[in-house]
C-alpha atoms as a PDB file:
ATOM      1  CA  MET A   1     -13.361   7.851   2.040  1.00  0.00           C
ATOM      2  CA  SER A   2     -11.561   6.201  -0.873  1.00  0.00           C
ATOM      3  CA  ALA A   3     -12.990   8.769  -3.282  1.00  0.00           C
ATOM      4  CA  LYS A   4     -10.654  11.365  -1.736  1.00  0.00           C
ATOM      5  CA  TYR A   5      -7.615   9.141  -2.153  1.00  0.00           C
ATOM      6  CA  ALA A   6      -5.648   9.785  -5.346  1.00  0.00           C
ATOM      7  CA  PRO A   7      -3.140   7.063  -6.316  1.00  0.00           C
ATOM      8  CA  LYS A   8       0.212   8.322  -7.568  1.00  0.00           C
ATOM      9  CA  GLY A   9       1.135   7.058 -11.015  1.00  0.00           C
ATOM     10  CA  ALA A  10       0.035   4.054 -13.034  1.00  0.00           C
ATOM     11  CA  PHE A  11       1.621   1.558 -10.620  1.00  0.00           C
ATOM     12  CA  GLY A  12      -0.110   3.157  -7.636  1.00  0.00           C
ATOM     13  CA  GLN A  13      -3.421   3.046  -9.476  1.00  0.00           C
ATOM     14  CA  ALA A  14      -2.901  -0.632 -10.318  1.00  0.00           C
ATOM     15  CA  ILE A  15      -2.145  -1.491  -6.681  1.00  0.00           C
ATOM     16  CA  HIS A  16      -5.127   0.529  -5.482  1.00  0.00           C
ATOM     17  CA  THR A  17      -7.422  -1.224  -7.954  1.00  0.00           C
ATOM     18  CA  ALA A  18      -6.026  -4.620  -6.937  1.00  0.00           C
ATOM     19  CA  GLU A  19      -6.653  -3.921  -3.242  1.00  0.00           C
ATOM     20  CA  GLU A  20     -10.222  -2.807  -3.855  1.00  0.00           C
ATOM     21  CA  THR A  21     -10.764  -5.860  -6.073  1.00  0.00           C
ATOM     22  CA  VAL A  22      -9.556  -8.193  -3.312  1.00  0.00           C
ATOM     23  CA  ILE A  23     -11.920  -6.545  -0.823  1.00  0.00           C
ATOM     24  CA  ALA A  24     -14.826  -6.801  -3.288  1.00  0.00           C
ATOM     25  CA  VAL A  25     -14.077 -10.471  -4.043  1.00  0.00           C
ATOM     26  CA  ILE A  26     -13.933 -11.377  -0.351  1.00  0.00           C
ATOM     27  CA  LEU A  27     -17.239  -9.595   0.289  1.00  0.00           C
ATOM     28  CA  GLY A  28     -18.761 -11.288  -2.747  1.00  0.00           C
ATOM     29  CA  LEU A  29     -17.649 -14.761  -1.681  1.00  0.00           C
ATOM     30  CA  MET A  30     -19.017 -14.217   1.827  1.00  0.00           C
ATOM     31  CA  THR A  31     -22.355 -13.100   0.396  1.00  0.00           C
ATOM     32  CA  VAL A  32     -22.614 -15.978  -2.065  1.00  0.00           C
ATOM     33  CA  LEU A  33     -21.708 -18.600   0.543  1.00  0.00           C
ATOM     34  CA  THR A  34     -24.130 -17.231   3.114  1.00  0.00           C
ATOM     35  CA  PHE A  35     -26.991 -16.786   0.634  1.00  0.00           C
ATOM     36  CA  THR A  36     -26.460 -20.252  -0.860  1.00  0.00           C
ATOM     37  CA  ASN A  37     -26.471 -21.858   2.567  1.00  0.00           C
ATOM     38  CA  VAL A  38     -29.705 -20.087   3.527  1.00  0.00           C
ATOM     39  CA  VAL A  39     -31.423 -21.250   0.341  1.00  0.00           C
ATOM     40  CA  LEU A  40     -30.162 -24.807   0.724  1.00  0.00           C
ATOM     41  CA  ARG A  41     -31.193 -24.967   4.378  1.00  0.00           C
ATOM     42  CA  TYR A  42     -34.709 -23.559   4.111  1.00  0.00           C
ATOM     43  CA  VAL A  43     -35.648 -24.807   0.645  1.00  0.00           C
ATOM     44  CA  PHE A  44     -33.830 -28.116   0.242  1.00  0.00           C
ATOM     45  CA  ASN A  45     -33.193 -29.025   3.904  1.00  0.00           C
ATOM     46  CA  HIS A  46     -29.503 -29.248   3.146  1.00  0.00           C
ATOM     47  CA  SER A  47     -26.412 -27.077   3.700  1.00  0.00           C
ATOM     48  CA  ILE A  48     -22.772 -26.612   2.794  1.00  0.00           C
ATOM     49  CA  ILE A  49     -21.255 -28.001   5.972  1.00  0.00           C
ATOM     50  CA  TRP A  50     -18.024 -26.023   5.583  1.00  0.00           C
ATOM     51  CA  GLY A  51     -19.777 -22.803   4.597  1.00  0.00           C
ATOM     52  CA  LEU A  52     -19.808 -21.197   8.041  1.00  0.00           C
ATOM     53  CA  GLU A  53     -16.131 -21.859   8.719  1.00  0.00           C
ATOM     54  CA  ALA A  54     -15.170 -20.546   5.277  1.00  0.00           C
ATOM     55  CA  THR A  55     -17.242 -17.412   5.850  1.00  0.00           C
ATOM     56  CA  LEU A  56     -15.522 -16.819   9.190  1.00  0.00           C
ATOM     57  CA  VAL A  57     -12.115 -17.159   7.514  1.00  0.00           C
ATOM     58  CA  LEU A  58     -13.115 -14.734   4.761  1.00  0.00           C
ATOM     59  CA  PHE A  59     -14.417 -12.245   7.328  1.00  0.00           C
ATOM     60  CA  ALA A  60     -11.116 -12.416   9.217  1.00  0.00           C
ATOM     61  CA  TRP A  61      -9.255 -11.862   5.941  1.00  0.00           C
ATOM     62  CA  LEU A  62     -11.472  -8.869   5.182  1.00  0.00           C
ATOM     63  CA  VAL A  63     -10.785  -7.244   8.546  1.00  0.00           C
ATOM     64  CA  ILE A  64      -7.027  -7.846   8.535  1.00  0.00           C
ATOM     65  CA  PHE A  65      -6.590  -6.819   4.904  1.00  0.00           C
ATOM     66  CA  GLY A  66      -8.873  -3.828   5.377  1.00  0.00           C
ATOM     67  CA  ILE A  67      -6.738  -2.405   8.209  1.00  0.00           C
ATOM     68  CA  SER A  68      -3.926  -1.437   5.842  1.00  0.00           C
ATOM     69  CA  TYR A  69      -6.343  -0.200   3.179  1.00  0.00           C
ATOM     70  CA  ALA A  70      -8.016   2.096   5.716  1.00  0.00           C
ATOM     71  CA  VAL A  71      -4.609   3.518   6.683  1.00  0.00           C
ATOM     72  CA  LYS A  72      -3.864   4.251   3.048  1.00  0.00           C
ATOM     73  CA  VAL A  73      -7.136   6.079   2.326  1.00  0.00           C
ATOM     74  CA  THR A  74      -7.283   7.690   5.804  1.00  0.00           C
ATOM     75  CA  ALA A  75     -10.470   5.922   6.828  1.00  0.00           C
ATOM     76  CA  HIS A  76      -9.622   4.978  10.417  1.00  0.00           C
ATOM     77  CA  LEU A  77     -11.756   6.860  12.926  1.00  0.00           C
ATOM     78  CA  GLY A  78     -10.287   8.643  15.921  1.00  0.00           C
ATOM     79  CA  VAL A  79     -10.897  11.391  18.459  1.00  0.00           C
ATOM     80  CA  ASP A  80      -9.118  14.650  17.692  1.00  0.00           C
ATOM     81  CA  ALA A  81     -10.776  16.994  20.202  1.00  0.00           C
ATOM     82  CA  VAL A  82      -7.489  17.702  22.001  1.00  0.00           C
ATOM     83  CA  ILE A  83      -5.436  17.822  18.823  1.00  0.00           C
ATOM     84  CA  GLY A  84      -7.870  20.249  17.211  1.00  0.00           C
ATOM     85  CA  ALA A  85      -7.437  22.687  20.092  1.00  0.00           C
ATOM     86  CA  LEU A  86      -3.677  22.957  19.494  1.00  0.00           C
ATOM     87  CA  PRO A  87      -1.891  25.242  17.039  1.00  0.00           C
ATOM     88  CA  SER A  88      -0.806  23.768  13.720  1.00  0.00           C
ATOM     89  CA  ARG A  89       2.739  23.101  14.965  1.00  0.00           C
ATOM     90  CA  GLY A  90       1.450  21.192  17.977  1.00  0.00           C
ATOM     91  CA  GLN A  91      -0.896  19.190  15.779  1.00  0.00           C
ATOM     92  CA  ARG A  92       1.987  18.181  13.530  1.00  0.00           C
ATOM     93  CA  VAL A  93       4.171  17.154  16.485  1.00  0.00           C
ATOM     94  CA  LEU A  94       1.414  14.959  17.914  1.00  0.00           C
ATOM     95  CA  ALA A  95       0.735  13.490  14.474  1.00  0.00           C
ATOM     96  CA  VAL A  96       4.404  12.501  14.143  1.00  0.00           C
ATOM     97  CA  LEU A  97       4.455  11.006  17.661  1.00  0.00           C
ATOM     98  CA  SER A  98       1.283   9.035  17.023  1.00  0.00           C
ATOM     99  CA  ALA A  99       2.744   7.753  13.751  1.00  0.00           C
ATOM    100  CA  LEU A 100       5.873   6.552  15.578  1.00  0.00           C
ATOM    101  CA  ALA A 101       3.746   4.812  18.219  1.00  0.00           C
ATOM    102  CA  CYS A 102       1.727   3.098  15.483  1.00  0.00           C
ATOM    103  CA  LEU A 103       4.915   1.970  13.739  1.00  0.00           C
ATOM    104  CA  ILE A 104       6.173   0.321  16.928  1.00  0.00           C
ATOM    105  CA  TYR A 105       2.779  -1.307  17.397  1.00  0.00           C
ATOM    106  CA  ALA A 106       2.805  -2.594  13.812  1.00  0.00           C
ATOM    107  CA  VAL A 107       6.272  -4.124  14.240  1.00  0.00           C
ATOM    108  CA  LEU A 108       5.115  -5.929  17.395  1.00  0.00           C
ATOM    109  CA  MET A 109       1.992  -7.142  15.619  1.00  0.00           C
ATOM    110  CA  LEU A 110       4.015  -8.377  12.650  1.00  0.00           C
ATOM    111  CA  LYS A 111       6.344 -10.385  14.915  1.00  0.00           C
ATOM    112  CA  GLY A 112       3.403 -11.870  16.794  1.00  0.00           C
ATOM    113  CA  ALA A 113       1.527 -12.664  13.589  1.00  0.00           C
ATOM    114  CA  TYR A 114       4.525 -14.379  12.008  1.00  0.00           C
ATOM    115  CA  ASP A 115       5.362 -16.339  15.148  1.00  0.00           C
ATOM    116  CA  TYR A 116       1.769 -17.573  15.365  1.00  0.00           C
ATOM    117  CA  TRP A 117       1.595 -18.570  11.691  1.00  0.00           C
ATOM    118  CA  ALA A 118       5.094 -20.032  11.217  1.00  0.00           C
ATOM    119  CA  PRO A 119       4.612 -23.387  13.041  1.00  0.00           C
ATOM    120  CA  PHE A 120       1.493 -24.136  10.977  1.00  0.00           C
ATOM    121  CA  ALA A 121       3.583 -23.616   7.815  1.00  0.00           C
ATOM    122  CA  GLY A 122       6.425 -25.806   9.067  1.00  0.00           C
ATOM    123  CA  LEU A 123       8.677 -22.781   9.639  1.00  0.00           C
ATOM    124  CA  ASN A 124      10.634 -21.587  12.650  1.00  0.00           C
ATOM    125  CA  GLN A 125       9.431 -18.796  14.897  1.00  0.00           C
ATOM    126  CA  THR A 126      11.598 -15.831  15.856  1.00  0.00           C
ATOM    127  CA  THR A 127      13.319 -15.452  19.206  1.00  0.00           C
ATOM    128  CA  GLY A 128      12.936 -12.456  21.494  1.00  0.00           C
ATOM    129  CA  ARG A 129       9.908 -11.634  23.623  1.00  0.00           C
ATOM    130  CA  VAL A 130       9.308  -8.199  22.105  1.00  0.00           C
ATOM    131  CA  PHE A 131      11.380  -7.636  18.974  1.00  0.00           C
ATOM    132  CA  PRO A 132      12.815 -10.474  16.859  1.00  0.00           C
ATOM    133  CA  THR A 133      16.392 -11.348  17.779  1.00  0.00           C
ATOM    134  CA  GLY A 134      16.919 -14.478  15.700  1.00  0.00           C
ATOM    135  CA  ILE A 135      15.374 -17.781  14.625  1.00  0.00           C
ATOM    136  CA  ASP A 136      14.081 -20.355  17.105  1.00  0.00           C
ATOM    137  CA  ALA A 137      15.284 -23.742  15.860  1.00  0.00           C
ATOM    138  CA  ASN A 138      13.199 -25.525  18.517  1.00  0.00           C
ATOM    139  CA  THR A 139       9.863 -24.456  17.041  1.00  0.00           C
ATOM    140  CA  ARG A 140       7.299 -27.242  17.232  1.00  0.00           C
ATOM    141  CA  ASP A 141       6.102 -28.220  13.754  1.00  0.00           C
ATOM    142  CA  ARG A 142       2.317 -27.872  13.480  1.00  0.00           C
ATOM    143  CA  ALA A 143       1.984 -28.252   9.717  1.00  0.00           C
ATOM    144  CA  PHE A 144      -0.341 -31.219  10.199  1.00  0.00           C
ATOM    145  CA  TYR A 145      -3.043 -29.043  11.787  1.00  0.00           C
ATOM    146  CA  MET A 146      -6.088 -28.715   9.568  1.00  0.00           C
ATOM    147  CA  THR A 147      -9.291 -26.703   9.543  1.00  0.00           C
ATOM    148  CA  GLU A 148     -12.405 -28.332  10.950  1.00  0.00           C
ATOM    149  CA  GLN A 149     -14.505 -28.712   7.787  1.00  0.00           C
ATOM    150  CA  ILE A 150     -13.104 -26.830   4.784  1.00  0.00           C
ATOM    151  CA  PRO A 151     -12.180 -29.425   2.119  1.00  0.00           C
ATOM    152  CA  PHE A 152      -8.659 -29.701   0.738  1.00  0.00           C
ATOM    153  CA  PRO A 153      -8.546 -28.908  -3.006  1.00  0.00           C
ATOM    154  CA  ALA A 154      -6.732 -31.513  -5.082  1.00  0.00           C
ATOM    155  CA  PHE A 155      -4.671 -28.931  -6.996  1.00  0.00           C
ATOM    156  CA  LEU A 156      -2.879 -28.056  -3.734  1.00  0.00           C
ATOM    157  CA  SER A 157      -1.671 -31.619  -3.181  1.00  0.00           C
ATOM    158  CA  PHE A 158       1.936 -30.510  -3.778  1.00  0.00           C
ATOM    159  CA  LEU A 159       1.782 -28.854  -0.346  1.00  0.00           C
ATOM    160  CA  GLU A 160       1.673 -32.265   1.302  1.00  0.00           C
ATOM    161  CA  ASP A 161       5.279 -32.934   0.283  1.00  0.00           C
ATOM    162  CA  ALA A 162       6.438 -29.318   0.576  1.00  0.00           C
ATOM    163  CA  VAL A 163       4.992 -28.601   4.014  1.00  0.00           C
ATOM    164  CA  ASN A 164       3.642 -31.760   5.657  1.00  0.00           C
ATOM    165  CA  GLN A 165       6.498 -34.215   4.998  1.00  0.00           C
ATOM    166  CA  GLY A 166       4.406 -36.186   2.522  1.00  0.00           C
ATOM    167  CA  ASP A 167       1.467 -36.827   4.862  1.00  0.00           C
ATOM    168  CA  THR A 168      -1.912 -36.269   3.232  1.00  0.00           C
ATOM    169  CA  TYR A 169      -4.389 -33.559   4.153  1.00  0.00           C
ATOM    170  CA  ASP A 170      -8.045 -34.465   4.617  1.00  0.00           C
ATOM    171  CA  LYS A 171      -9.041 -30.841   5.140  1.00  0.00           C
ATOM    172  CA  LEU A 172      -7.509 -27.482   4.274  1.00  0.00           C
ATOM    173  CA  PRO A 173      -4.305 -26.985   6.329  1.00  0.00           C
ATOM    174  CA  ARG A 174      -4.524 -24.118   8.774  1.00  0.00           C
ATOM    175  CA  PHE A 175      -1.457 -22.310   7.487  1.00  0.00           C
ATOM    176  CA  ILE A 176      -3.427 -21.283   4.375  1.00  0.00           C
ATOM    177  CA  PRO A 177      -6.159 -19.257   6.113  1.00  0.00           C
ATOM    178  CA  TYR A 178      -3.665 -18.113   8.759  1.00  0.00           C
ATOM    179  CA  VAL A 179      -1.257 -16.697   6.145  1.00  0.00           C
ATOM    180  CA  MET A 180      -3.313 -13.500   6.111  1.00  0.00           C
ATOM    181  CA  LEU A 181      -1.954 -12.739   9.600  1.00  0.00           C
ATOM    182  CA  PRO A 182       1.687 -12.035   8.638  1.00  0.00           C
ATOM    183  CA  PHE A 183       0.747 -10.772   5.176  1.00  0.00           C
ATOM    184  CA  GLY A 184      -1.847  -8.343   6.514  1.00  0.00           C
ATOM    185  CA  MET A 185       0.432  -7.066   9.283  1.00  0.00           C
ATOM    186  CA  ALA A 186       3.328  -6.597   6.839  1.00  0.00           C
ATOM    187  CA  LEU A 187       1.049  -4.586   4.558  1.00  0.00           C
ATOM    188  CA  PHE A 188      -0.209  -2.660   7.596  1.00  0.00           C
ATOM    189  CA  LEU A 189       3.371  -1.758   8.525  1.00  0.00           C
ATOM    190  CA  LEU A 190       4.133  -0.711   4.953  1.00  0.00           C
ATOM    191  CA  ARG A 191       1.105   1.598   4.804  1.00  0.00           C
ATOM    192  CA  LEU A 192       2.020   3.118   8.158  1.00  0.00           C
ATOM    193  CA  VAL A 193       5.558   3.814   6.940  1.00  0.00           C
ATOM    194  CA  GLN A 194       4.153   5.525   3.858  1.00  0.00           C
ATOM    195  CA  ALA A 195       1.661   7.536   5.922  1.00  0.00           C
ATOM    196  CA  SER A 196       4.364   8.544   8.420  1.00  0.00           C
ATOM    197  CA  ILE A 197       6.565   9.850   5.621  1.00  0.00           C
ATOM    198  CA  GLU A 198       3.646  11.850   4.256  1.00  0.00           C
ATOM    199  CA  ILE A 199       2.987  13.327   7.708  1.00  0.00           C
ATOM    200  CA  TRP A 200       6.676  14.244   8.102  1.00  0.00           C
ATOM    201  CA  ARG A 201       6.645  15.954   4.703  1.00  0.00           C
ATOM    202  CA  GLY A 202       3.456  17.821   5.525  1.00  0.00           C
ATOM    203  CA  GLU A 203       1.477  16.031   2.802  1.00  0.00           C
ATOM    204  CA  ARG A 204      -0.882  14.519   5.363  1.00  0.00           C
ATOM    205  CA  SER A 205      -2.221  15.903   8.624  1.00  0.00           C
ATOM    206  CA  ALA A 206      -2.917  12.702  10.597  1.00  0.00           C
ATOM    207  CA  LEU A 207      -3.457   8.936  10.461  1.00  0.00           C
ATOM    208  CA  ILE A 208      -7.163   9.249  11.243  1.00  0.00           C
ATOM    209  CA  VAL A 209     -10.043  10.804   9.391  1.00  0.00           C
ATOM    210  CA  SER A 210     -11.142  14.055  10.979  1.00  0.00           C
ATOM    211  CA  HIS A 211     -13.971  16.501  10.499  1.00  0.00           C
ATOM    212  CA  GLU A 212     -16.027  13.880   8.666  1.00  0.00           C
ATOM    213  CA  ALA A 213     -19.236  15.589   9.763  1.00  0.00           C
ATOM    214  CA  GLU A 214     -18.137  18.890   8.242  1.00  0.00           C
ATOM    215  CA  ASP A 215     -17.089  17.116   5.060  1.00  0.00           C
ATOM    216  CA  ALA A 216     -20.469  15.389   4.810  1.00  0.00           C
ATOM    217  CA  ILE A 217     -22.262  18.712   5.232  1.00  0.00           C
ATOM    218  CA  ASP A 218     -20.088  20.272   2.536  1.00  0.00           C
ATOM    219  CA  ASP A 219     -20.896  17.392   0.193  1.00  0.00           C
ATOM    220  CA  VAL A 220     -24.630  17.842   0.761  1.00  0.00           C
ATOM    221  CA  ARG A 221     -24.336  21.597   0.285  1.00  0.00           C
ATOM    222  CA  HIS A 222     -22.475  21.034  -2.982  1.00  0.00           C
ATOM    223  CA  LEU A 223     -25.155  18.636  -4.222  1.00  0.00           C
ATOM    224  CA  ASN A 224     -27.907  21.114  -3.331  1.00  0.00           C
ATOM    225  CA  LYS A 225     -26.156  23.830  -5.322  1.00  0.00           C
ATOM    226  CA  GLU A 226     -26.014  21.559  -8.336  1.00  0.00           C
ATOM    227  CA  ASP A 227     -29.760  20.897  -8.063  1.00  0.00           C
END
């Protein structure tokens, strides 16, 4: 799908390359950790005890980060049987309405993601049950919560004073793996805003990929002609 996406300008190309690099690095780390653990377990009767938890964190990062990337390159799947039966004007109206619904959803997800992550980072949650209405000064500090097995790297020791009131961490604090929640949802919202503007301008037909079967057939037909 990404082959059809054309970044705009040098900055857009740099961002696109950075996003694909992050995805590739996460996939690579997951593969290396899993493969190393298999070899250690079956050959040396040993294992990296924190390997499974780290792999689960990386997989969660991959999914959350990948949501916004898929919006950008129009890779999210959807059913467009009803939309395809409408005239072009009706298709555009439904595309705009669906974009607005997704924007509202993304805002709700961003609030929920931040409110979940904030206590683990020693920050205050927002007030309001649906949309943020202010800052909740009574947020319970959960900065002392740590992961189960992932070790705490020594170069991050400054976080003990900055976040955990000087108390030491034996394992990686949870706010580090959880930070992908608000970051990923903020990026998701940004990509939806960009996609919605493109739909409004007529530069994009929908948020989902459509007619992928026809496109695949066309690609095969093109390859056959080249042969």
